[in-house]
Amino acid sequence: MRCAAGASVLLGTALAGAHERAWVDSRGILLAVTAYLLSVFLLWRGLPWHRRPDGVGHARFGAANVVTSLRLSLVIWLLACATAEAYFAPGVGMILVIVLAATLDAIDGPLARASGLDSAYGARFDMETDALLVLVLSVMVWRAGVAGPWVLASGLLRYGFVALAWWLPWMARALPPSLRRKAVCVLQILLLIVALLPGLTPGLATASALIGLLTLVVSFGVDVAWLAARRETSSKPLQGTPI
């Protein structure tokens, strides 16, 4: 993960370039370093869950998790840019970094399955990286002046769902696999990227962010309704990991 972080910082800096009106200052760096150290701790703590379905632990971290680590490092670099005190206005270079971070999501899953190193750990690592990317993109859209603070709900819904599960145990039950859930995640990221495109009219950019949020709210609503309908029945708890 350390190599992936270094590579992503160099790649991000090269792509963004000095011409971008987005800088990483001391505040952004402090937040990024904190997020990175926390990520390393959680990844290390969750390693016992990197195992086969029969319970036998994988001997290697795996190339798929390295790809996800690279993606996470890119997202943390974007977090540093999005939270810097300087005026934020993403240009072409910044969009390229965002697209790269999003595109790598299509690689890690198939790579894990092809290498026989897929696990609940890797799936959770991938999901939480997606969630952080959505949160960072929503902060970028807000800071770029495309939408009001309401757009932050796009990134906070996932964490609100997790927080509610601590309070309402029935919400922590395992959800069935869902193509709809995966498609909405991809659509949400795509619409937030569209909202950040340079030259897009303010109306279209705001509409893109709003459509993404509404779609996400409906998707979460479907899952909450499914869980609520089964809250009185016995169900296997979510077999999650600490990451």
C-alpha atoms as a PDB file:
ATOM      1  CA  MET A   1       0.000   0.000   0.000  1.00  0.00           C
ATOM      2  CA  ARG A   2       2.930   2.330   0.701  1.00  0.00           C
ATOM      3  CA  CYS A   3       4.202   1.993  -2.890  1.00  0.00           C
ATOM      4  CA  ALA A   4       0.709   2.597  -4.232  1.00  0.00           C
ATOM      5  CA  ALA A   5       0.405   5.769  -2.171  1.00  0.00           C
ATOM      6  CA  GLY A   6       3.713   7.144  -3.457  1.00  0.00           C
ATOM      7  CA  ALA A   7       2.862   6.309  -7.056  1.00  0.00           C
ATOM      8  CA  SER A   8      -0.570   7.906  -6.797  1.00  0.00           C
ATOM      9  CA  VAL A   9       0.811  11.143  -5.343  1.00  0.00           C
ATOM     10  CA  LEU A  10       3.329  11.438  -8.185  1.00  0.00           C
ATOM     11  CA  LEU A  11       0.708  10.532 -10.791  1.00  0.00           C
ATOM     12  CA  GLY A  12      -1.864  12.905  -9.344  1.00  0.00           C
ATOM     13  CA  THR A  13       0.595  15.786  -9.212  1.00  0.00           C
ATOM     14  CA  ALA A  14       1.717  15.156 -12.792  1.00  0.00           C
ATOM     15  CA  LEU A  15      -1.832  15.007 -14.122  1.00  0.00           C
ATOM     16  CA  ALA A  16      -3.187  17.971 -12.191  1.00  0.00           C
ATOM     17  CA  GLY A  17      -0.247  20.232 -12.994  1.00  0.00           C
ATOM     18  CA  ALA A  18       0.573  23.688 -11.701  1.00  0.00           C
ATOM     19  CA  HIS A  19      -1.982  25.321 -14.022  1.00  0.00           C
ATOM     20  CA  GLU A  20      -4.920  23.933 -12.022  1.00  0.00           C
ATOM     21  CA  ARG A  21      -6.756  26.285  -9.705  1.00  0.00           C
ATOM     22  CA  ALA A  22      -6.632  23.692  -6.936  1.00  0.00           C
ATOM     23  CA  TRP A  23      -3.764  23.420  -4.483  1.00  0.00           C
ATOM     24  CA  VAL A  24      -2.874  21.147  -1.626  1.00  0.00           C
ATOM     25  CA  ASP A  25      -2.063  23.292   1.396  1.00  0.00           C
ATOM     26  CA  SER A  26      -1.209  22.457   5.005  1.00  0.00           C
ATOM     27  CA  ARG A  27      -4.838  21.824   5.977  1.00  0.00           C
ATOM     28  CA  GLY A  28      -5.387  19.437   3.075  1.00  0.00           C
ATOM     29  CA  ILE A  29      -2.107  17.651   3.731  1.00  0.00           C
ATOM     30  CA  LEU A  30      -2.921  17.212   7.436  1.00  0.00           C
ATOM     31  CA  LEU A  31      -6.322  15.722   6.651  1.00  0.00           C
ATOM     32  CA  ALA A  32      -4.890  13.471   3.935  1.00  0.00           C
ATOM     33  CA  VAL A  33      -2.111  12.154   6.190  1.00  0.00           C
ATOM     34  CA  THR A  34      -4.637  11.486   8.957  1.00  0.00           C
ATOM     35  CA  ALA A  35      -6.952   9.653   6.536  1.00  0.00           C
ATOM     36  CA  TYR A  36      -4.053   7.640   5.143  1.00  0.00           C
ATOM     37  CA  LEU A  37      -2.771   6.553   8.567  1.00  0.00           C
ATOM     38  CA  LEU A  38      -6.280   5.614   9.658  1.00  0.00           C
ATOM     39  CA  SER A  39      -6.735   3.603   6.449  1.00  0.00           C
ATOM     40  CA  VAL A  40      -3.466   1.725   7.001  1.00  0.00           C
ATOM     41  CA  PHE A  41      -4.493   0.887  10.575  1.00  0.00           C
ATOM     42  CA  LEU A  42      -7.932  -0.386   9.525  1.00  0.00           C
ATOM     43  CA  LEU A  43      -6.499  -2.396   6.644  1.00  0.00           C
ATOM     44  CA  TRP A  44      -3.968  -4.030   8.946  1.00  0.00           C
ATOM     45  CA  ARG A  45      -6.615  -4.702  11.584  1.00  0.00           C
ATOM     46  CA  GLY A  46      -8.914  -6.321   9.038  1.00  0.00           C
ATOM     47  CA  LEU A  47      -6.313  -8.704   7.544  1.00  0.00           C
ATOM     48  CA  PRO A  48      -7.676 -11.760   9.433  1.00  0.00           C
ATOM     49  CA  TRP A  49     -10.791 -11.454   7.237  1.00  0.00           C
ATOM     50  CA  HIS A  50      -8.700 -11.821   4.071  1.00  0.00           C
ATOM     51  CA  ARG A  51      -9.534 -15.499   3.716  1.00  0.00           C
ATOM     52  CA  ARG A  52     -11.258 -18.066   1.550  1.00  0.00           C
ATOM     53  CA  PRO A  53     -14.915 -19.044   2.086  1.00  0.00           C
ATOM     54  CA  ASP A  54     -13.704 -22.172   3.960  1.00  0.00           C
ATOM     55  CA  GLY A  55     -11.992 -19.961   6.541  1.00  0.00           C
ATOM     56  CA  VAL A  56      -8.397 -20.524   5.411  1.00  0.00           C
ATOM     57  CA  GLY A  57      -6.490 -17.255   5.259  1.00  0.00           C
ATOM     58  CA  HIS A  58      -4.916 -16.070   2.018  1.00  0.00           C
ATOM     59  CA  ALA A  59      -1.121 -16.080   2.064  1.00  0.00           C
ATOM     60  CA  ARG A  60      -0.818 -12.940  -0.073  1.00  0.00           C
ATOM     61  CA  PHE A  61      -2.348  -9.468   0.026  1.00  0.00           C
ATOM     62  CA  GLY A  62      -2.982  -9.856  -3.687  1.00  0.00           C
ATOM     63  CA  ALA A  63      -2.700  -7.664  -6.752  1.00  0.00           C
ATOM     64  CA  ALA A  64      -6.405  -6.758  -6.538  1.00  0.00           C
ATOM     65  CA  ASN A  65      -5.964  -5.234  -3.087  1.00  0.00           C
ATOM     66  CA  VAL A  66      -2.885  -3.388  -4.336  1.00  0.00           C
ATOM     67  CA  VAL A  67      -5.032  -1.864  -7.106  1.00  0.00           C
ATOM     68  CA  THR A  68      -7.653  -0.876  -4.535  1.00  0.00           C
ATOM     69  CA  SER A  69      -4.860   0.611  -2.392  1.00  0.00           C
ATOM     70  CA  LEU A  70      -3.734   2.691  -5.366  1.00  0.00           C
ATOM     71  CA  ARG A  71      -7.311   3.839  -5.881  1.00  0.00           C
ATOM     72  CA  LEU A  72      -7.664   4.692  -2.191  1.00  0.00           C
ATOM     73  CA  SER A  73      -4.441   6.704  -2.298  1.00  0.00           C
ATOM     74  CA  LEU A  74      -5.721   8.667  -5.300  1.00  0.00           C
ATOM     75  CA  VAL A  75      -8.974   9.365  -3.459  1.00  0.00           C
ATOM     76  CA  ILE A  76      -7.048  10.588  -0.394  1.00  0.00           C
ATOM     77  CA  TRP A  77      -4.966  12.841  -2.663  1.00  0.00           C
ATOM     78  CA  LEU A  78      -8.223  14.237  -4.073  1.00  0.00           C
ATOM     79  CA  LEU A  79      -9.452  14.712  -0.505  1.00  0.00           C
ATOM     80  CA  ALA A  80      -6.416  16.883   0.211  1.00  0.00           C
ATOM     81  CA  CYS A  81      -7.243  19.053  -2.806  1.00  0.00           C
ATOM     82  CA  ALA A  82     -10.957  19.264  -2.004  1.00  0.00           C
ATOM     83  CA  THR A  83     -10.391  20.389   1.586  1.00  0.00           C
ATOM     84  CA  ALA A  84      -7.575  22.876   1.007  1.00  0.00           C
ATOM     85  CA  GLU A  85      -8.269  26.483   1.970  1.00  0.00           C
ATOM     86  CA  ALA A  86      -7.519  27.712  -1.542  1.00  0.00           C
ATOM     87  CA  TYR A  87     -10.316  28.371  -4.008  1.00  0.00           C
ATOM     88  CA  PHE A  88     -11.302  25.103  -5.627  1.00  0.00           C
ATOM     89  CA  ALA A  89     -12.077  24.849  -9.339  1.00  0.00           C
ATOM     90  CA  PRO A  90     -11.162  21.500 -10.931  1.00  0.00           C
ATOM     91  CA  GLY A  91      -9.704  21.536 -14.424  1.00  0.00           C
ATOM     92  CA  VAL A  92      -8.948  18.840 -16.980  1.00  0.00           C
ATOM     93  CA  GLY A  93      -6.019  17.388 -15.030  1.00  0.00           C
ATOM     94  CA  MET A  94      -8.059  17.012 -11.861  1.00  0.00           C
ATOM     95  CA  ILE A  95     -10.883  15.344 -13.800  1.00  0.00           C
ATOM     96  CA  LEU A  96      -8.378  12.855 -15.244  1.00  0.00           C
ATOM     97  CA  VAL A  97      -7.281  11.883 -11.734  1.00  0.00           C
ATOM     98  CA  ILE A  98     -10.915  11.429 -10.693  1.00  0.00           C
ATOM     99  CA  VAL A  99     -11.694   9.326 -13.765  1.00  0.00           C
ATOM    100  CA  LEU A 100      -8.635   7.167 -13.115  1.00  0.00           C
ATOM    101  CA  ALA A 101      -9.682   6.599  -9.493  1.00  0.00           C
ATOM    102  CA  ALA A 102     -13.167   5.622 -10.667  1.00  0.00           C
ATOM    103  CA  THR A 103     -11.999   3.441 -13.574  1.00  0.00           C
ATOM    104  CA  LEU A 104      -9.696   1.335 -11.406  1.00  0.00           C
ATOM    105  CA  ASP A 105     -12.848   0.105  -9.669  1.00  0.00           C
ATOM    106  CA  ALA A 106     -13.526  -2.076 -12.715  1.00  0.00           C
ATOM    107  CA  ILE A 107     -10.182  -3.864 -12.313  1.00  0.00           C
ATOM    108  CA  ASP A 108      -9.788  -4.973  -8.711  1.00  0.00           C
ATOM    109  CA  GLY A 109     -12.842  -7.259  -8.493  1.00  0.00           C
ATOM    110  CA  PRO A 110     -12.162  -9.317 -11.647  1.00  0.00           C
ATOM    111  CA  LEU A 111      -8.467  -9.424 -10.741  1.00  0.00           C
ATOM    112  CA  ALA A 112      -9.259 -10.855  -7.295  1.00  0.00           C
ATOM    113  CA  ARG A 113     -11.518 -13.539  -8.730  1.00  0.00           C
ATOM    114  CA  ALA A 114      -9.059 -14.446 -11.482  1.00  0.00           C
ATOM    115  CA  SER A 115      -6.240 -14.879  -8.955  1.00  0.00           C
ATOM    116  CA  GLY A 116      -8.394 -16.818  -6.490  1.00  0.00           C
ATOM    117  CA  LEU A 117      -7.758 -14.215  -3.785  1.00  0.00           C
ATOM    118  CA  ASP A 118     -11.247 -12.770  -3.505  1.00  0.00           C
ATOM    119  CA  SER A 119     -12.510 -12.387   0.068  1.00  0.00           C
ATOM    120  CA  ALA A 120     -14.996 -10.499   2.233  1.00  0.00           C
ATOM    121  CA  TYR A 121     -12.043  -8.296   3.200  1.00  0.00           C
ATOM    122  CA  GLY A 122     -11.359  -7.281  -0.395  1.00  0.00           C
ATOM    123  CA  ALA A 123     -15.041  -6.694  -1.105  1.00  0.00           C
ATOM    124  CA  ARG A 124     -15.402  -4.465   1.959  1.00  0.00           C
ATOM    125  CA  PHE A 125     -12.159  -2.626   1.118  1.00  0.00           C
ATOM    126  CA  ASP A 126     -13.498  -1.948  -2.373  1.00  0.00           C
ATOM    127  CA  MET A 127     -16.901  -0.811  -1.075  1.00  0.00           C
ATOM    128  CA  GLU A 128     -15.459   1.599   1.504  1.00  0.00           C
ATOM    129  CA  THR A 129     -13.120   3.084  -1.116  1.00  0.00           C
ATOM    130  CA  ASP A 130     -16.158   3.708  -3.336  1.00  0.00           C
ATOM    131  CA  ALA A 131     -17.951   5.352  -0.407  1.00  0.00           C
ATOM    132  CA  LEU A 132     -14.997   7.648   0.295  1.00  0.00           C
ATOM    133  CA  LEU A 133     -14.753   8.581  -3.389  1.00  0.00           C
ATOM    134  CA  VAL A 134     -18.435   9.581  -3.439  1.00  0.00           C
ATOM    135  CA  LEU A 135     -17.924  11.673  -0.292  1.00  0.00           C
ATOM    136  CA  VAL A 136     -14.867  13.429  -1.754  1.00  0.00           C
ATOM    137  CA  LEU A 137     -16.657  14.108  -5.042  1.00  0.00           C
ATOM    138  CA  SER A 138     -19.651  15.571  -3.213  1.00  0.00           C
ATOM    139  CA  VAL A 139     -17.298  17.884  -1.285  1.00  0.00           C
ATOM    140  CA  MET A 140     -15.685  18.912  -4.578  1.00  0.00           C
ATOM    141  CA  VAL A 141     -19.056  19.674  -6.180  1.00  0.00           C
ATOM    142  CA  TRP A 142     -20.025  21.788  -3.164  1.00  0.00           C
ATOM    143  CA  ARG A 143     -16.698  23.646  -2.992  1.00  0.00           C
ATOM    144  CA  ALA A 144     -16.740  24.300  -6.731  1.00  0.00           C
ATOM    145  CA  GLY A 145     -20.013  26.180  -6.245  1.00  0.00           C
ATOM    146  CA  VAL A 146     -21.971  23.757  -8.418  1.00  0.00           C
ATOM    147  CA  ALA A 147     -24.461  22.895  -5.671  1.00  0.00           C
ATOM    148  CA  GLY A 148     -25.316  23.850  -2.133  1.00  0.00           C
ATOM    149  CA  PRO A 149     -24.464  21.898   1.031  1.00  0.00           C
ATOM    150  CA  TRP A 150     -27.300  19.481   0.203  1.00  0.00           C
ATOM    151  CA  VAL A 151     -24.996  17.673  -2.229  1.00  0.00           C
ATOM    152  CA  LEU A 152     -22.919  16.451   0.749  1.00  0.00           C
ATOM    153  CA  ALA A 153     -25.785  14.066   1.509  1.00  0.00           C
ATOM    154  CA  SER A 154     -24.594  12.004  -1.471  1.00  0.00           C
ATOM    155  CA  GLY A 155     -21.401  11.192   0.396  1.00  0.00           C
ATOM    156  CA  LEU A 156     -22.872  11.022   3.900  1.00  0.00           C
ATOM    157  CA  LEU A 157     -25.761   8.610   3.238  1.00  0.00           C
ATOM    158  CA  ARG A 158     -23.542   5.530   3.412  1.00  0.00           C
ATOM    159  CA  TYR A 159     -22.002   6.629   6.717  1.00  0.00           C
ATOM    160  CA  GLY A 160     -25.397   7.570   8.108  1.00  0.00           C
ATOM    161  CA  PHE A 161     -26.640   4.092   7.215  1.00  0.00           C
ATOM    162  CA  VAL A 162     -23.709   2.515   9.094  1.00  0.00           C
ATOM    163  CA  ALA A 163     -24.261   4.790  12.105  1.00  0.00           C
ATOM    164  CA  LEU A 164     -27.946   3.833  12.257  1.00  0.00           C
ATOM    165  CA  ALA A 165     -26.972   0.161  12.212  1.00  0.00           C
ATOM    166  CA  TRP A 166     -25.190   0.694  15.537  1.00  0.00           C
ATOM    167  CA  TRP A 167     -28.408   2.067  16.996  1.00  0.00           C
ATOM    168  CA  LEU A 168     -30.848  -0.244  15.178  1.00  0.00           C
ATOM    169  CA  PRO A 169     -29.330  -3.747  15.055  1.00  0.00           C
ATOM    170  CA  TRP A 170     -31.830  -4.963  12.449  1.00  0.00           C
ATOM    171  CA  MET A 171     -30.199  -2.615   9.948  1.00  0.00           C
ATOM    172  CA  ALA A 172     -26.900  -4.467  10.340  1.00  0.00           C
ATOM    173  CA  ARG A 173     -28.283  -7.646   8.809  1.00  0.00           C
ATOM    174  CA  ALA A 174     -26.818  -8.897   5.563  1.00  0.00           C
ATOM    175  CA  LEU A 175     -28.372  -7.510   2.403  1.00  0.00           C
ATOM    176  CA  PRO A 176     -28.707  -9.831  -0.604  1.00  0.00           C
ATOM    177  CA  PRO A 177     -26.406  -9.158  -3.578  1.00  0.00           C
ATOM    178  CA  SER A 178     -27.919  -6.478  -5.788  1.00  0.00           C
ATOM    179  CA  LEU A 179     -27.092  -5.396  -9.317  1.00  0.00           C
ATOM    180  CA  ARG A 180     -29.239  -2.321  -8.668  1.00  0.00           C
ATOM    181  CA  ARG A 181     -26.989  -1.283  -5.773  1.00  0.00           C
ATOM    182  CA  LYS A 182     -23.839  -1.609  -7.880  1.00  0.00           C
ATOM    183  CA  ALA A 183     -25.374   0.262 -10.813  1.00  0.00           C
ATOM    184  CA  VAL A 184     -26.516   3.133  -8.576  1.00  0.00           C
ATOM    185  CA  CYS A 185     -23.012   3.445  -7.116  1.00  0.00           C
ATOM    186  CA  VAL A 186     -21.488   3.693 -10.592  1.00  0.00           C
ATOM    187  CA  LEU A 187     -24.174   6.152 -11.709  1.00  0.00           C
ATOM    188  CA  GLN A 188     -23.677   8.300  -8.616  1.00  0.00           C
ATOM    189  CA  ILE A 189     -19.936   8.599  -9.242  1.00  0.00           C
ATOM    190  CA  LEU A 190     -20.497   9.312 -12.950  1.00  0.00           C
ATOM    191  CA  LEU A 191     -23.064  12.051 -12.290  1.00  0.00           C
ATOM    192  CA  LEU A 192     -20.817  13.762  -9.728  1.00  0.00           C
ATOM    193  CA  ILE A 193     -17.949  13.696 -12.237  1.00  0.00           C
ATOM    194  CA  VAL A 194     -20.244  15.208 -14.881  1.00  0.00           C
ATOM    195  CA  ALA A 195     -21.190  17.964 -12.419  1.00  0.00           C
ATOM    196  CA  LEU A 196     -17.489  18.860 -12.124  1.00  0.00           C
ATOM    197  CA  LEU A 197     -16.766  19.022 -15.872  1.00  0.00           C
ATOM    198  CA  PRO A 198     -15.261  22.382 -16.876  1.00  0.00           C
ATOM    199  CA  GLY A 199     -17.524  24.387 -19.176  1.00  0.00           C
ATOM    200  CA  LEU A 200     -20.747  22.639 -18.181  1.00  0.00           C
ATOM    201  CA  THR A 201     -23.588  25.097 -17.612  1.00  0.00           C
ATOM    202  CA  PRO A 202     -24.496  25.624 -13.924  1.00  0.00           C
ATOM    203  CA  GLY A 203     -28.022  24.338 -14.490  1.00  0.00           C
ATOM    204  CA  LEU A 204     -26.878  21.058 -16.020  1.00  0.00           C
ATOM    205  CA  ALA A 205     -24.181  20.576 -13.384  1.00  0.00           C
ATOM    206  CA  THR A 206     -26.654  21.102 -10.541  1.00  0.00           C
ATOM    207  CA  ALA A 207     -29.201  18.825 -12.187  1.00  0.00           C
ATOM    208  CA  SER A 208     -26.588  16.087 -12.550  1.00  0.00           C
ATOM    209  CA  ALA A 209     -25.709  16.256  -8.853  1.00  0.00           C
ATOM    210  CA  LEU A 210     -29.389  16.345  -7.854  1.00  0.00           C
ATOM    211  CA  ILE A 211     -30.330  13.345 -10.002  1.00  0.00           C
ATOM    212  CA  GLY A 212     -27.464  11.391  -8.485  1.00  0.00           C
ATOM    213  CA  LEU A 213     -28.581  12.217  -4.953  1.00  0.00           C
ATOM    214  CA  LEU A 214     -32.235  11.343  -5.615  1.00  0.00           C
ATOM    215  CA  THR A 215     -31.238   8.026  -7.198  1.00  0.00           C
ATOM    216  CA  LEU A 216     -29.074   7.218  -4.197  1.00  0.00           C
ATOM    217  CA  VAL A 217     -31.838   8.117  -1.740  1.00  0.00           C
ATOM    218  CA  VAL A 218     -34.270   5.785  -3.550  1.00  0.00           C
ATOM    219  CA  SER A 219     -31.715   2.960  -3.538  1.00  0.00           C
ATOM    220  CA  PHE A 220     -31.031   3.340   0.177  1.00  0.00           C
ATOM    221  CA  GLY A 221     -34.768   3.557   0.781  1.00  0.00           C
ATOM    222  CA  VAL A 222     -35.316   0.216  -0.966  1.00  0.00           C
ATOM    223  CA  ASP A 223     -32.668  -1.431   1.216  1.00  0.00           C
ATOM    224  CA  VAL A 224     -33.996   0.091   4.446  1.00  0.00           C
ATOM    225  CA  ALA A 225     -37.536  -1.033   3.550  1.00  0.00           C
ATOM    226  CA  TRP A 226     -36.263  -4.572   2.875  1.00  0.00           C
ATOM    227  CA  LEU A 227     -34.493  -4.665   6.243  1.00  0.00           C
ATOM    228  CA  ALA A 228     -37.444  -3.144   8.091  1.00  0.00           C
ATOM    229  CA  ALA A 229     -39.813  -5.765   6.698  1.00  0.00           C
ATOM    230  CA  ARG A 230     -37.600  -8.485   8.203  1.00  0.00           C
ATOM    231  CA  ARG A 231     -36.633  -6.849  11.469  1.00  0.00           C
ATOM    232  CA  GLU A 232     -38.739  -9.241  13.547  1.00  0.00           C
ATOM    233  CA  THR A 233     -37.403 -12.380  11.865  1.00  0.00           C
ATOM    234  CA  SER A 234     -34.146 -14.152  12.605  1.00  0.00           C
ATOM    235  CA  SER A 235     -31.459 -13.364  10.116  1.00  0.00           C
ATOM    236  CA  LYS A 236     -27.755 -13.843   9.835  1.00  0.00           C
ATOM    237  CA  PRO A 237     -25.908 -10.707  10.955  1.00  0.00           C
ATOM    238  CA  LEU A 238     -23.728  -8.845   8.523  1.00  0.00           C
ATOM    239  CA  GLN A 239     -20.427 -10.648   8.236  1.00  0.00           C
ATOM    240  CA  GLY A 240     -18.406  -7.505   7.877  1.00  0.00           C
ATOM    241  CA  THR A 241     -14.830  -6.619   8.655  1.00  0.00           C
ATOM    242  CA  PRO A 242     -13.386  -3.844  10.820  1.00  0.00           C
ATOM    243  CA  ILE A 243     -12.365  -1.817   7.757  1.00  0.00           C
END
